[in-house]
Amino acid sequence: MTKTVDASATEVQTRTFSMSMVVSGVRCGLTYVVLPFFAPLIGVSSGVGPWIGLSLGTVAIAANALSIKRFSAGNSRWKIPMVVINSSVILLLLFLVAGDLRDLVN
């Protein structure tokens, strides 16, 4: 019975980590690849980018924080590496969110 509980907890941790990385990747992809090239083609102003980046950045930070919480609560051998990776991504996202806020203020 313990193996099933541990396996389920590990699956939840893995899904949470994967989700947080996908949200972070989507945020970066939209902000730096899709919007700069395709927004002008469809007539969307460049002022939309910071709003999207800010929204997705906030969601990505929350997803990474949830991943840290899940890994910290468990007894996985990946606990420390996952916390380090998620913390690093949060730090990078904070810089990006600060840049988006700067763009919105200016």
N, C-alpha and C. Protein backbone atom coordinates (compact mmCIF):
# COMPACT_ATOMS: atom_id res chain seq x y z
N MET A 1 0.83 -1.20 0.00
CA MET A 1 0.00 0.00 0.00
C MET A 1 0.87 1.26 0.00
N THR A 2 1.97 1.23 0.67
CA THR A 2 2.84 2.38 0.74
C THR A 2 3.42 2.72 -0.63
N LYS A 3 3.77 1.69 -1.43
CA LYS A 3 4.32 1.95 -2.76
C LYS A 3 3.32 2.69 -3.63
N THR A 4 2.05 2.35 -3.54
CA THR A 4 1.03 3.02 -4.34
C THR A 4 0.91 4.48 -3.94
N VAL A 5 0.91 4.75 -2.66
CA VAL A 5 0.82 6.12 -2.17
C VAL A 5 2.05 6.91 -2.61
N ASP A 6 3.24 6.32 -2.48
CA ASP A 6 4.47 6.99 -2.88
C ASP A 6 4.50 7.22 -4.39
N ALA A 7 4.04 6.22 -5.16
CA ALA A 7 4.01 6.37 -6.62
C ALA A 7 3.04 7.48 -7.01
N SER A 8 1.88 7.55 -6.36
CA SER A 8 0.90 8.58 -6.67
C SER A 8 1.44 9.96 -6.32
N ALA A 9 2.11 10.06 -5.19
CA ALA A 9 2.69 11.35 -4.79
C ALA A 9 3.77 11.76 -5.78
N THR A 10 4.58 10.82 -6.23
CA THR A 10 5.63 11.12 -7.20
C THR A 10 5.03 11.56 -8.52
N GLU A 11 3.95 10.91 -8.94
CA GLU A 11 3.28 11.30 -10.18
C GLU A 11 2.71 12.71 -10.09
N VAL A 12 2.13 13.05 -8.95
CA VAL A 12 1.59 14.40 -8.76
C VAL A 12 2.72 15.41 -8.78
N GLN A 13 3.82 15.10 -8.12
CA GLN A 13 4.97 16.01 -8.12
C GLN A 13 5.50 16.21 -9.53
N THR A 14 5.60 15.13 -10.27
CA THR A 14 6.12 15.20 -11.64
C THR A 14 5.19 16.01 -12.53
N ARG A 15 3.89 15.78 -12.42
CA ARG A 15 2.92 16.54 -13.22
C ARG A 15 2.96 18.02 -12.87
N THR A 16 3.08 18.33 -11.59
CA THR A 16 3.13 19.72 -11.16
C THR A 16 4.38 20.41 -11.69
N PHE A 17 5.51 19.72 -11.60
CA PHE A 17 6.76 20.28 -12.14
C PHE A 17 6.64 20.49 -13.64
N SER A 18 6.13 19.49 -14.34
CA SER A 18 5.99 19.60 -15.80
C SER A 18 5.08 20.76 -16.17
N MET A 19 3.98 20.91 -15.46
CA MET A 19 3.05 21.99 -15.73
C MET A 19 3.73 23.35 -15.51
N SER A 20 4.49 23.47 -14.45
CA SER A 20 5.15 24.74 -14.17
C SER A 20 6.17 25.09 -15.25
N MET A 21 6.88 24.09 -15.76
CA MET A 21 7.86 24.33 -16.82
C MET A 21 7.16 24.69 -18.14
N VAL A 22 6.03 24.05 -18.42
CA VAL A 22 5.28 24.36 -19.65
C VAL A 22 4.75 25.78 -19.61
N VAL A 23 4.17 26.18 -18.48
CA VAL A 23 3.64 27.54 -18.36
C VAL A 23 4.76 28.56 -18.53
N SER A 24 5.91 28.30 -17.91
CA SER A 24 7.06 29.20 -18.04
C SER A 24 7.53 29.26 -19.49
N GLY A 25 7.58 28.13 -20.15
CA GLY A 25 8.01 28.08 -21.55
C GLY A 25 7.04 28.78 -22.48
N VAL A 26 5.74 28.60 -22.25
CA VAL A 26 4.73 29.27 -23.07
C VAL A 26 4.85 30.78 -22.91
N ARG A 27 5.07 31.23 -21.69
CA ARG A 27 5.23 32.66 -21.44
C ARG A 27 6.40 33.21 -22.25
N CYS A 28 7.53 32.55 -22.20
CA CYS A 28 8.71 33.01 -22.93
C CYS A 28 8.50 32.92 -24.45
N GLY A 29 7.90 31.84 -24.89
CA GLY A 29 7.64 31.67 -26.32
C GLY A 29 6.74 32.75 -26.88
N LEU A 30 5.67 33.04 -26.16
CA LEU A 30 4.76 34.09 -26.61
C LEU A 30 5.43 35.46 -26.59
N THR A 31 6.13 35.74 -25.51
CA THR A 31 6.72 37.06 -25.34
C THR A 31 7.85 37.34 -26.32
N TYR A 32 8.69 36.34 -26.58
CA TYR A 32 9.90 36.60 -27.36
C TYR A 32 9.88 36.05 -28.78
N VAL A 33 8.94 35.17 -29.09
CA VAL A 33 8.91 34.60 -30.44
C VAL A 33 7.61 34.98 -31.16
N VAL A 34 6.50 34.64 -30.59
CA VAL A 34 5.22 34.81 -31.28
C VAL A 34 4.84 36.29 -31.41
N LEU A 35 4.76 37.00 -30.29
CA LEU A 35 4.29 38.39 -30.34
C LEU A 35 5.17 39.32 -31.17
N PRO A 36 6.48 39.29 -31.02
CA PRO A 36 7.28 40.24 -31.82
C PRO A 36 7.14 40.05 -33.33
N PHE A 37 6.91 38.83 -33.77
CA PHE A 37 6.85 38.58 -35.20
C PHE A 37 5.43 38.59 -35.76
N PHE A 38 4.47 38.07 -35.01
CA PHE A 38 3.14 37.91 -35.56
C PHE A 38 2.16 39.01 -35.15
N ALA A 39 2.39 39.67 -34.02
CA ALA A 39 1.46 40.72 -33.60
C ALA A 39 1.35 41.84 -34.63
N PRO A 40 2.47 42.32 -35.20
CA PRO A 40 2.33 43.37 -36.23
C PRO A 40 1.59 42.88 -37.49
N LEU A 41 1.74 41.60 -37.81
CA LEU A 41 1.07 41.08 -39.00
C LEU A 41 -0.44 41.06 -38.87
N ILE A 42 -0.92 40.88 -37.65
CA ILE A 42 -2.37 40.85 -37.45
C ILE A 42 -2.91 42.17 -36.90
N GLY A 43 -2.02 43.17 -36.80
CA GLY A 43 -2.45 44.51 -36.39
C GLY A 43 -2.59 44.72 -34.91
N VAL A 44 -1.99 43.88 -34.11
CA VAL A 44 -2.03 44.05 -32.66
C VAL A 44 -0.87 44.94 -32.27
N SER A 45 -1.14 45.92 -31.42
CA SER A 45 -0.07 46.85 -31.02
C SER A 45 0.94 46.15 -30.12
N SER A 46 2.13 46.70 -30.10
CA SER A 46 3.20 46.11 -29.28
C SER A 46 2.96 46.29 -27.80
N GLY A 47 2.01 47.13 -27.42
CA GLY A 47 1.71 47.34 -26.01
C GLY A 47 1.01 46.17 -25.34
N VAL A 48 0.61 45.19 -26.12
CA VAL A 48 -0.08 44.02 -25.59
C VAL A 48 0.91 43.06 -24.92
N GLY A 49 2.13 43.00 -25.45
CA GLY A 49 3.14 42.06 -24.97
C GLY A 49 3.38 42.10 -23.47
N PRO A 50 3.62 43.29 -22.90
CA PRO A 50 3.86 43.33 -21.45
C PRO A 50 2.68 42.82 -20.62
N TRP A 51 1.46 43.08 -21.09
CA TRP A 51 0.28 42.60 -20.35
C TRP A 51 0.22 41.07 -20.38
N ILE A 52 0.48 40.50 -21.54
CA ILE A 52 0.49 39.04 -21.64
C ILE A 52 1.64 38.47 -20.83
N GLY A 53 2.82 39.07 -20.94
CA GLY A 53 3.98 38.60 -20.19
C GLY A 53 3.76 38.68 -18.69
N LEU A 54 3.15 39.77 -18.24
CA LEU A 54 2.86 39.94 -16.82
C LEU A 54 1.87 38.90 -16.32
N SER A 55 0.82 38.68 -17.11
CA SER A 55 -0.19 37.69 -16.72
C SER A 55 0.39 36.28 -16.67
N LEU A 56 1.06 35.89 -17.76
CA LEU A 56 1.63 34.55 -17.81
C LEU A 56 2.78 34.39 -16.82
N GLY A 57 3.55 35.44 -16.61
CA GLY A 57 4.64 35.39 -15.64
C GLY A 57 4.14 35.13 -14.23
N THR A 58 3.04 35.79 -13.89
CA THR A 58 2.44 35.60 -12.57
C THR A 58 1.93 34.17 -12.41
N VAL A 59 1.27 33.66 -13.44
CA VAL A 59 0.78 32.27 -13.40
C VAL A 59 1.96 31.30 -13.32
N ALA A 60 3.02 31.57 -14.08
CA ALA A 60 4.19 30.69 -14.07
C ALA A 60 4.87 30.68 -12.71
N ILE A 61 4.98 31.84 -12.08
CA ILE A 61 5.57 31.90 -10.74
C ILE A 61 4.74 31.10 -9.76
N ALA A 62 3.42 31.24 -9.83
CA ALA A 62 2.53 30.47 -8.94
C ALA A 62 2.67 28.97 -9.19
N ALA A 63 2.76 28.56 -10.46
CA ALA A 63 2.90 27.14 -10.79
C ALA A 63 4.22 26.59 -10.26
N ASN A 64 5.29 27.36 -10.39
CA ASN A 64 6.59 26.92 -9.87
C ASN A 64 6.59 26.86 -8.34
N ALA A 65 5.92 27.81 -7.71
CA ALA A 65 5.81 27.79 -6.25
C ALA A 65 5.03 26.56 -5.79
N LEU A 66 3.97 26.22 -6.51
CA LEU A 66 3.20 25.01 -6.19
C LEU A 66 4.07 23.76 -6.35
N SER A 67 4.88 23.74 -7.39
CA SER A 67 5.79 22.62 -7.60
C SER A 67 6.78 22.49 -6.45
N ILE A 68 7.32 23.61 -5.99
CA ILE A 68 8.23 23.59 -4.84
C ILE A 68 7.51 23.04 -3.61
N LYS A 69 6.28 23.49 -3.40
CA LYS A 69 5.51 23.03 -2.25
C LYS A 69 5.28 21.52 -2.30
N ARG A 70 4.92 21.02 -3.48
CA ARG A 70 4.66 19.58 -3.62
C ARG A 70 5.93 18.75 -3.41
N PHE A 71 7.05 19.18 -4.00
CA PHE A 71 8.29 18.43 -3.84
C PHE A 71 8.80 18.52 -2.41
N SER A 72 8.63 19.66 -1.76
CA SER A 72 9.10 19.82 -0.39
C SER A 72 8.31 18.95 0.58
N ALA A 73 7.04 18.75 0.29
CA ALA A 73 6.19 17.94 1.16
C ALA A 73 6.48 16.45 1.02
N GLY A 74 6.96 16.05 -0.14
CA GLY A 74 7.21 14.63 -0.39
C GLY A 74 8.57 14.17 0.08
N ASN A 75 8.81 12.90 -0.13
CA ASN A 75 10.08 12.31 0.27
C ASN A 75 10.75 11.74 -0.99
N SER A 76 10.93 12.59 -1.98
CA SER A 76 11.49 12.18 -3.25
C SER A 76 13.00 12.41 -3.26
N ARG A 77 13.71 11.57 -4.00
CA ARG A 77 15.15 11.78 -4.11
C ARG A 77 15.44 12.99 -4.99
N TRP A 78 14.45 13.48 -5.70
CA TRP A 78 14.59 14.64 -6.57
C TRP A 78 14.20 15.94 -5.89
N LYS A 79 13.91 15.89 -4.60
CA LYS A 79 13.41 17.06 -3.88
C LYS A 79 14.34 18.27 -4.05
N ILE A 80 15.59 18.14 -3.71
CA ILE A 80 16.52 19.27 -3.74
C ILE A 80 16.76 19.76 -5.18
N PRO A 81 17.04 18.86 -6.14
CA PRO A 81 17.24 19.38 -7.51
C PRO A 81 16.01 20.10 -8.06
N MET A 82 14.82 19.60 -7.77
CA MET A 82 13.60 20.23 -8.29
C MET A 82 13.35 21.58 -7.62
N VAL A 83 13.63 21.68 -6.35
CA VAL A 83 13.47 22.96 -5.66
C VAL A 83 14.46 23.98 -6.22
N VAL A 84 15.68 23.55 -6.50
CA VAL A 84 16.68 24.46 -7.08
C VAL A 84 16.25 24.91 -8.47
N ILE A 85 15.80 23.98 -9.30
CA ILE A 85 15.36 24.33 -10.66
C ILE A 85 14.17 25.29 -10.61
N ASN A 86 13.16 24.95 -9.82
CA ASN A 86 11.98 25.81 -9.72
C ASN A 86 12.35 27.19 -9.17
N SER A 87 13.21 27.24 -8.18
CA SER A 87 13.62 28.52 -7.61
C SER A 87 14.36 29.36 -8.65
N SER A 88 15.20 28.71 -9.44
CA SER A 88 15.92 29.42 -10.50
C SER A 88 14.96 29.99 -11.54
N VAL A 89 13.98 29.20 -11.91
CA VAL A 89 12.98 29.67 -12.89
C VAL A 89 12.18 30.83 -12.31
N ILE A 90 11.82 30.74 -11.03
CA ILE A 90 11.09 31.84 -10.39
C ILE A 90 11.94 33.11 -10.41
N LEU A 91 13.22 33.00 -10.11
CA LEU A 91 14.10 34.16 -10.12
C LEU A 91 14.15 34.79 -11.52
N LEU A 92 14.29 33.97 -12.55
CA LEU A 92 14.29 34.48 -13.92
C LEU A 92 12.95 35.13 -14.27
N LEU A 93 11.86 34.49 -13.85
CA LEU A 93 10.54 35.05 -14.14
C LEU A 93 10.33 36.38 -13.43
N LEU A 94 10.89 36.53 -12.23
CA LEU A 94 10.77 37.80 -11.51
C LEU A 94 11.45 38.93 -12.29
N PHE A 95 12.60 38.63 -12.90
CA PHE A 95 13.27 39.62 -13.73
C PHE A 95 12.40 39.98 -14.94
N LEU A 96 11.79 38.97 -15.55
CA LEU A 96 10.94 39.22 -16.71
C LEU A 96 9.69 40.01 -16.35
N VAL A 97 9.10 39.68 -15.20
CA VAL A 97 7.91 40.41 -14.73
C VAL A 97 8.29 41.85 -14.42
N ALA A 98 9.46 42.05 -13.82
CA ALA A 98 9.91 43.42 -13.53
C ALA A 98 10.09 44.20 -14.85
N GLY A 99 10.63 43.55 -15.88
CA GLY A 99 10.76 44.20 -17.18
C GLY A 99 9.41 44.54 -17.78
N ASP A 100 8.45 43.64 -17.64
CA ASP A 100 7.10 43.91 -18.15
C ASP A 100 6.48 45.08 -17.41
N LEU A 101 6.67 45.13 -16.09
CA LEU A 101 6.14 46.25 -15.31
C LEU A 101 6.80 47.56 -15.73
N ARG A 102 8.11 47.52 -15.96
CA ARG A 102 8.83 48.71 -16.41
C ARG A 102 8.27 49.19 -17.76
N ASP A 103 8.02 48.25 -18.67
CA ASP A 103 7.46 48.60 -19.98
C ASP A 103 6.07 49.21 -19.86
N LEU A 104 5.29 48.72 -18.92
CA LEU A 104 3.93 49.25 -18.74
C LEU A 104 3.94 50.65 -18.13
N VAL A 105 4.90 50.91 -17.25
CA VAL A 105 4.98 52.22 -16.60
C VAL A 105 5.50 53.27 -17.56
N ASN A 106 6.42 52.90 -18.41
CA ASN A 106 7.02 53.87 -19.36
C ASN A 106 6.15 54.08 -20.55
